[in-house]
Structures are given as structure tokens and as C-alpha cells.
Amino acid sequence: MAITNPTVAKIFSDLEAYRDFCRFENGGCVFDEKALYNKKDPNWQAYEKWQGWIRAKNRNKARNQRS
């Protein structure tokens, strides 16, 4: 069954990405659904910082390919 509401689909997509981050990228940190979008939670802060690093890495990679 596909989720047709784009807002709900984004929440589930973000939850899945955060779960994968907790499992694979952050050394097996504790995954808690309540931490989703909670800016005070240290695991969510680490996830947002990691996302920024990935964006910067991809941006620099594209910039270097154009040169």
C-alpha cells in the first residue's frame, strides 16, 4: 500500500533515513522514534550534522568535476 499524502511520506522517509544513520553511520547509537525532528536530542543533532557533511561533500565533488 503506497502512501499518497506527501507529508506523511516525507515523515516515513526521514524516519527510515534516521534509523539507518543510527544503525550504520553513528556506531550503533540508540534509535528512538521520539527523537525525530527533536533539535535537543544529541542523536538527532549528530544526524543533522552528518547530513550537512554529506551535502557539502557532494557539492564539492560536483564543483571539482566541473573544473
PDB file of N, CA and C in Angstrom:
ATOM      1  N   MET A   1       0.833  -1.165   0.000  1.00  0.00           N
ATOM      2  CA  MET A   1       0.000   0.000   0.000  1.00  0.00           C
ATOM      3  C   MET A   1       0.887   1.241   0.000  1.00  0.00           C
ATOM      4  N   ALA A   2       0.720   2.078  -0.981  1.00  0.00           N
ATOM      5  CA  ALA A   2       1.522   3.285  -1.116  1.00  0.00           C
ATOM      6  C   ALA A   2       0.905   4.424  -0.308  1.00  0.00           C
ATOM      7  N   ILE A   3       1.760   5.254   0.229  1.00  0.00           N
ATOM      8  CA  ILE A   3       1.315   6.424   0.973  1.00  0.00           C
ATOM      9  C   ILE A   3       1.157   7.561  -0.020  1.00  0.00           C
ATOM     10  N   THR A   4      -0.055   8.092  -0.130  1.00  0.00           N
ATOM     11  CA  THR A   4      -0.316   9.122  -1.128  1.00  0.00           C
ATOM     12  C   THR A   4      -0.135  10.532  -0.589  1.00  0.00           C
ATOM     13  N   ASN A   5      -0.199  10.720   0.707  1.00  0.00           N
ATOM     14  CA  ASN A   5      -0.015  12.038   1.299  1.00  0.00           C
ATOM     15  C   ASN A   5       1.486  12.345   1.329  1.00  0.00           C
ATOM     16  N   PRO A   6       1.930  13.413   0.656  1.00  0.00           N
ATOM     17  CA  PRO A   6       3.371  13.681   0.591  1.00  0.00           C
ATOM     18  C   PRO A   6       3.990  14.032   1.939  1.00  0.00           C
ATOM     19  N   THR A   7       3.242  14.643   2.826  1.00  0.00           N
ATOM     20  CA  THR A   7       3.771  14.984   4.152  1.00  0.00           C
ATOM     21  C   THR A   7       4.044  13.729   4.959  1.00  0.00           C
ATOM     22  N   VAL A   8       3.104  12.802   4.929  1.00  0.00           N
ATOM     23  CA  VAL A   8       3.273  11.546   5.654  1.00  0.00           C
ATOM     24  C   VAL A   8       4.395  10.723   5.038  1.00  0.00           C
ATOM     25  N   ALA A   9       4.492  10.731   3.719  1.00  0.00           N
ATOM     26  CA  ALA A   9       5.565  10.005   3.034  1.00  0.00           C
ATOM     27  C   ALA A   9       6.932  10.563   3.422  1.00  0.00           C
ATOM     28  N   LYS A  10       7.041  11.893   3.553  1.00  0.00           N
ATOM     29  CA  LYS A  10       8.303  12.500   3.954  1.00  0.00           C
ATOM     30  C   LYS A  10       8.676  12.112   5.385  1.00  0.00           C
ATOM     31  N   ILE A  11       7.708  12.067   6.272  1.00  0.00           N
ATOM     32  CA  ILE A  11       7.980  11.680   7.657  1.00  0.00           C
ATOM     33  C   ILE A  11       8.515  10.260   7.712  1.00  0.00           C
ATOM     34  N   PHE A  12       7.876   9.346   6.988  1.00  0.00           N
ATOM     35  CA  PHE A  12       8.342   7.962   6.993  1.00  0.00           C
ATOM     36  C   PHE A  12       9.704   7.834   6.317  1.00  0.00           C
ATOM     37  N   SER A  13       9.944   8.615   5.283  1.00  0.00           N
ATOM     38  CA  SER A  13      11.241   8.597   4.617  1.00  0.00           C
ATOM     39  C   SER A  13      12.335   9.112   5.552  1.00  0.00           C
ATOM     40  N   ASP A  14      12.056  10.207   6.256  1.00  0.00           N
ATOM     41  CA  ASP A  14      13.015  10.747   7.216  1.00  0.00           C
ATOM     42  C   ASP A  14      13.264   9.775   8.360  1.00  0.00           C
ATOM     43  N   LEU A  15      12.219   9.117   8.815  1.00  0.00           N
ATOM     44  CA  LEU A  15      12.361   8.146   9.900  1.00  0.00           C
ATOM     45  C   LEU A  15      13.238   6.976   9.462  1.00  0.00           C
ATOM     46  N   GLU A  16      13.058   6.518   8.257  1.00  0.00           N
ATOM     47  CA  GLU A  16      13.872   5.413   7.730  1.00  0.00           C
ATOM     48  C   GLU A  16      15.340   5.837   7.587  1.00  0.00           C
ATOM     49  N   ALA A  17      15.569   7.055   7.097  1.00  0.00           N
ATOM     50  CA  ALA A  17      16.943   7.547   6.948  1.00  0.00           C
ATOM     51  C   ALA A  17      17.608   7.722   8.309  1.00  0.00           C
ATOM     52  N   TYR A  18      16.859   8.216   9.290  1.00  0.00           N
ATOM     53  CA  TYR A  18      17.409   8.389  10.637  1.00  0.00           C
ATOM     54  C   TYR A  18      17.720   7.030  11.265  1.00  0.00           C
ATOM     55  N   ARG A  19      16.865   6.059  11.044  1.00  0.00           N
ATOM     56  CA  ARG A  19      17.100   4.712  11.573  1.00  0.00           C
ATOM     57  C   ARG A  19      18.371   4.115  10.959  1.00  0.00           C
ATOM     58  N   ASP A  20      18.544   4.272   9.656  1.00  0.00           N
ATOM     59  CA  ASP A  20      19.750   3.765   9.003  1.00  0.00           C
ATOM     60  C   ASP A  20      21.000   4.474   9.513  1.00  0.00           C
ATOM     61  N   PHE A  21      20.898   5.779   9.758  1.00  0.00           N
ATOM     62  CA  PHE A  21      22.026   6.510  10.319  1.00  0.00           C
ATOM     63  C   PHE A  21      22.397   5.936  11.685  1.00  0.00           C
ATOM     64  N   CYS A  22      21.405   5.711  12.522  1.00  0.00           N
ATOM     65  CA  CYS A  22      21.682   5.189  13.869  1.00  0.00           C
ATOM     66  C   CYS A  22      22.304   3.793  13.798  1.00  0.00           C
ATOM     67  N   ARG A  23      21.872   2.999  12.858  1.00  0.00           N
ATOM     68  CA  ARG A  23      22.368   1.633  12.761  1.00  0.00           C
ATOM     69  C   ARG A  23      23.759   1.552  12.157  1.00  0.00           C
ATOM     70  N   PHE A  24      24.028   2.336  11.113  1.00  0.00           N
ATOM     71  CA  PHE A  24      25.247   2.131  10.332  1.00  0.00           C
ATOM     72  C   PHE A  24      26.290   3.225  10.483  1.00  0.00           C
ATOM     73  N   GLU A  25      25.893   4.475  10.561  1.00  0.00           N
ATOM     74  CA  GLU A  25      26.843   5.577  10.489  1.00  0.00           C
ATOM     75  C   GLU A  25      27.351   6.035  11.850  1.00  0.00           C
ATOM     76  N   ASN A  26      26.539   5.980  12.869  1.00  0.00           N
ATOM     77  CA  ASN A  26      26.898   6.574  14.150  1.00  0.00           C
ATOM     78  C   ASN A  26      27.312   5.531  15.173  1.00  0.00           C
ATOM     79  N   GLY A  27      27.859   4.460  14.750  1.00  0.00           N
ATOM     80  CA  GLY A  27      28.373   3.465  15.678  1.00  0.00           C
ATOM     81  C   GLY A  27      27.320   2.752  16.496  1.00  0.00           C
ATOM     82  N   GLY A  28      26.127   2.588  15.944  1.00  0.00           N
ATOM     83  CA  GLY A  28      25.081   1.855  16.645  1.00  0.00           C
ATOM     84  C   GLY A  28      24.455   2.631  17.785  1.00  0.00           C
ATOM     85  N   CYS A  29      24.234   3.933  17.593  1.00  0.00           N
ATOM     86  CA  CYS A  29      23.584   4.719  18.646  1.00  0.00           C
ATOM     87  C   CYS A  29      22.143   4.240  18.817  1.00  0.00           C
ATOM     88  N   VAL A  30      21.558   4.607  19.910  1.00  0.00           N
ATOM     89  CA  VAL A  30      20.202   4.172  20.231  1.00  0.00           C
ATOM     90  C   VAL A  30      19.213   4.874  19.312  1.00  0.00           C
ATOM     91  N   PHE A  31      18.393   4.094  18.614  1.00  0.00           N
ATOM     92  CA  PHE A  31      17.377   4.649  17.737  1.00  0.00           C
ATOM     93  C   PHE A  31      16.092   4.817  18.527  1.00  0.00           C
ATOM     94  N   ASP A  32      15.562   6.022  18.517  1.00  0.00           N
ATOM     95  CA  ASP A  32      14.321   6.324  19.211  1.00  0.00           C
ATOM     96  C   ASP A  32      13.475   7.206  18.297  1.00  0.00           C
ATOM     97  N   GLU A  33      12.257   6.744  17.999  1.00  0.00           N
ATOM     98  CA  GLU A  33      11.388   7.494  17.093  1.00  0.00           C
ATOM     99  C   GLU A  33      11.044   8.872  17.639  1.00  0.00           C
ATOM    100  N   LYS A  34      11.046   9.019  18.948  1.00  0.00           N
ATOM    101  CA  LYS A  34      10.711  10.309  19.554  1.00  0.00           C
ATOM    102  C   LYS A  34      11.743  11.372  19.216  1.00  0.00           C
ATOM    103  N   ALA A  35      12.924  10.991  18.856  1.00  0.00           N
ATOM    104  CA  ALA A  35      13.989  11.948  18.573  1.00  0.00           C
ATOM    105  C   ALA A  35      13.840  12.592  17.200  1.00  0.00           C
ATOM    106  N   LEU A  36      12.957  12.070  16.365  1.00  0.00           N
ATOM    107  CA  LEU A  36      12.770  12.615  15.021  1.00  0.00           C
ATOM    108  C   LEU A  36      12.338  14.074  15.116  1.00  0.00           C
ATOM    109  N   TYR A  37      13.086  14.969  14.493  1.00  0.00           N
ATOM    110  CA  TYR A  37      12.854  16.416  14.459  1.00  0.00           C
ATOM    111  C   TYR A  37      13.036  17.084  15.827  1.00  0.00           C
ATOM    112  N   ASN A  38      13.589  16.398  16.818  1.00  0.00           N
ATOM    113  CA  ASN A  38      13.822  16.981  18.136  1.00  0.00           C
ATOM    114  C   ASN A  38      15.237  17.568  18.155  1.00  0.00           C
ATOM    115  N   LYS A  39      15.333  18.870  18.061  1.00  0.00           N
ATOM    116  CA  LYS A  39      16.639  19.531  17.955  1.00  0.00           C
ATOM    117  C   LYS A  39      17.462  19.444  19.237  1.00  0.00           C
ATOM    118  N   LYS A  40      16.850  19.054  20.350  1.00  0.00           N
ATOM    119  CA  LYS A  40      17.577  18.940  21.613  1.00  0.00           C
ATOM    120  C   LYS A  40      18.190  17.557  21.810  1.00  0.00           C
ATOM    121  N   ASP A  41      17.787  16.580  21.033  1.00  0.00           N
ATOM    122  CA  ASP A  41      18.302  15.226  21.171  1.00  0.00           C
ATOM    123  C   ASP A  41      19.698  15.135  20.540  1.00  0.00           C
ATOM    124  N   PRO A  42      20.673  14.608  21.275  1.00  0.00           N
ATOM    125  CA  PRO A  42      22.045  14.564  20.732  1.00  0.00           C
ATOM    126  C   PRO A  42      22.183  13.671  19.495  1.00  0.00           C
ATOM    127  N   ASN A  43      21.417  12.604  19.422  1.00  0.00           N
ATOM    128  CA  ASN A  43      21.496  11.745  18.234  1.00  0.00           C
ATOM    129  C   ASN A  43      20.921  12.452  17.011  1.00  0.00           C
ATOM    130  N   TRP A  44      19.841  13.206  17.193  1.00  0.00           N
ATOM    131  CA  TRP A  44      19.268  13.949  16.066  1.00  0.00           C
ATOM    132  C   TRP A  44      20.228  15.051  15.630  1.00  0.00           C
ATOM    133  N   GLN A  45      20.911  15.688  16.569  1.00  0.00           N
ATOM    134  CA  GLN A  45      21.901  16.704  16.224  1.00  0.00           C
ATOM    135  C   GLN A  45      23.042  16.093  15.415  1.00  0.00           C
ATOM    136  N   ALA A  46      23.472  14.909  15.812  1.00  0.00           N
ATOM    137  CA  ALA A  46      24.540  14.224  15.073  1.00  0.00           C
ATOM    138  C   ALA A  46      24.055  13.863  13.663  1.00  0.00           C
ATOM    139  N   TYR A  47      22.797  13.461  13.544  1.00  0.00           N
ATOM    140  CA  TYR A  47      22.232  13.118  12.241  1.00  0.00           C
ATOM    141  C   TYR A  47      22.188  14.346  11.334  1.00  0.00           C
ATOM    142  N   GLU A  48      21.741  15.480  11.862  1.00  0.00           N
ATOM    143  CA  GLU A  48      21.688  16.696  11.055  1.00  0.00           C
ATOM    144  C   GLU A  48      23.091  17.152  10.642  1.00  0.00           C
ATOM    145  N   LYS A  49      24.045  17.022  11.538  1.00  0.00           N
ATOM    146  CA  LYS A  49      25.422  17.384  11.208  1.00  0.00           C
ATOM    147  C   LYS A  49      25.967  16.463  10.128  1.00  0.00           C
ATOM    148  N   TRP A  50      25.666  15.181  10.217  1.00  0.00           N
ATOM    149  CA  TRP A  50      26.101  14.217   9.209  1.00  0.00           C
ATOM    150  C   TRP A  50      25.468  14.528   7.859  1.00  0.00           C
ATOM    151  N   GLN A  51      24.184  14.903   7.846  1.00  0.00           N
ATOM    152  CA  GLN A  51      23.525  15.261   6.592  1.00  0.00           C
ATOM    153  C   GLN A  51      24.197  16.475   5.952  1.00  0.00           C
ATOM    154  N   GLY A  52      24.545  17.465   6.771  1.00  0.00           N
ATOM    155  CA  GLY A  52      25.242  18.644   6.247  1.00  0.00           C
ATOM    156  C   GLY A  52      26.592  18.289   5.665  1.00  0.00           C
ATOM    157  N   TRP A  53      27.291  17.364   6.314  1.00  0.00           N
ATOM    158  CA  TRP A  53      28.584  16.930   5.807  1.00  0.00           C
ATOM    159  C   TRP A  53      28.426  16.221   4.462  1.00  0.00           C
ATOM    160  N   ILE A  54      27.401  15.373   4.345  1.00  0.00           N
ATOM    161  CA  ILE A  54      27.153  14.669   3.080  1.00  0.00           C
ATOM    162  C   ILE A  54      26.818  15.672   1.972  1.00  0.00           C
ATOM    163  N   ARG A  55      25.976  16.670   2.279  1.00  0.00           N
ATOM    164  CA  ARG A  55      25.646  17.695   1.274  1.00  0.00           C
ATOM    165  C   ARG A  55      26.890  18.449   0.832  1.00  0.00           C
ATOM    166  N   ALA A  56      27.737  18.838   1.782  1.00  0.00           N
ATOM    167  CA  ALA A  56      28.956  19.573   1.442  1.00  0.00           C
ATOM    168  C   ALA A  56      29.901  18.713   0.621  1.00  0.00           C
ATOM    169  N   LYS A  57      29.993  17.447   0.982  1.00  0.00           N
ATOM    170  CA  LYS A  57      30.865  16.528   0.245  1.00  0.00           C
ATOM    171  C   LYS A  57      30.402  16.394  -1.207  1.00  0.00           C
ATOM    172  N   ASN A  58      29.089  16.237  -1.415  1.00  0.00           N
ATOM    173  CA  ASN A  58      28.557  16.111  -2.773  1.00  0.00           C
ATOM    174  C   ASN A  58      28.686  17.413  -3.553  1.00  0.00           C
ATOM    175  N   ARG A  59      28.491  18.542  -2.868  1.00  0.00           N
ATOM    176  CA  ARG A  59      28.627  19.847  -3.522  1.00  0.00           C
ATOM    177  C   ARG A  59      30.067  20.052  -3.992  1.00  0.00           C
ATOM    178  N   ASN A  60      31.029  19.731  -3.147  1.00  0.00           N
ATOM    179  CA  ASN A  60      32.436  19.894  -3.517  1.00  0.00           C
ATOM    180  C   ASN A  60      32.834  18.924  -4.614  1.00  0.00           C
ATOM    181  N   LYS A  61      32.269  17.740  -4.577  1.00  0.00           N
ATOM    182  CA  LYS A  61      32.557  16.758  -5.626  1.00  0.00           C
ATOM    183  C   LYS A  61      32.064  17.262  -6.981  1.00  0.00           C
ATOM    184  N   ALA A  62      30.852  17.837  -7.006  1.00  0.00           N
ATOM    185  CA  ALA A  62      30.312  18.370  -8.260  1.00  0.00           C
ATOM    186  C   ALA A  62      31.119  19.581  -8.719  1.00  0.00           C
ATOM    187  N   ARG A  63      31.550  20.415  -7.774  1.00  0.00           N
ATOM    188  CA  ARG A  63      32.338  21.588  -8.116  1.00  0.00           C
ATOM    189  C   ARG A  63      33.674  21.183  -8.723  1.00  0.00           C
ATOM    190  N   ASN A  64      34.294  20.134  -8.193  1.00  0.00           N
ATOM    191  CA  ASN A  64      35.592  19.684  -8.711  1.00  0.00           C
ATOM    192  C   ASN A  64      35.451  19.021 -10.076  1.00  0.00           C
ATOM    193  N   GLN A  65      34.318  18.426 -10.379  1.00  0.00           N
ATOM    194  CA  GLN A  65      34.120  17.774 -11.664  1.00  0.00           C
ATOM    195  C   GLN A  65      33.933  18.787 -12.775  1.00  0.00           C
ATOM    196  N   ARG A  66      33.364  19.954 -12.450  1.00  0.00           N
ATOM    197  CA  ARG A  66      33.147  20.989 -13.460  1.00  0.00           C
ATOM    198  C   ARG A  66      34.458  21.639 -13.883  1.00  0.00           C
ATOM    199  N   SER A  67      35.428  21.672 -13.029  1.00  0.00           N
ATOM    200  CA  SER A  67      36.696  22.355 -13.339  1.00  0.00           C
ATOM    201  C   SER A  67      37.559  21.565 -14.272  1.00  0.00           C
TER     202      SER A  67
END
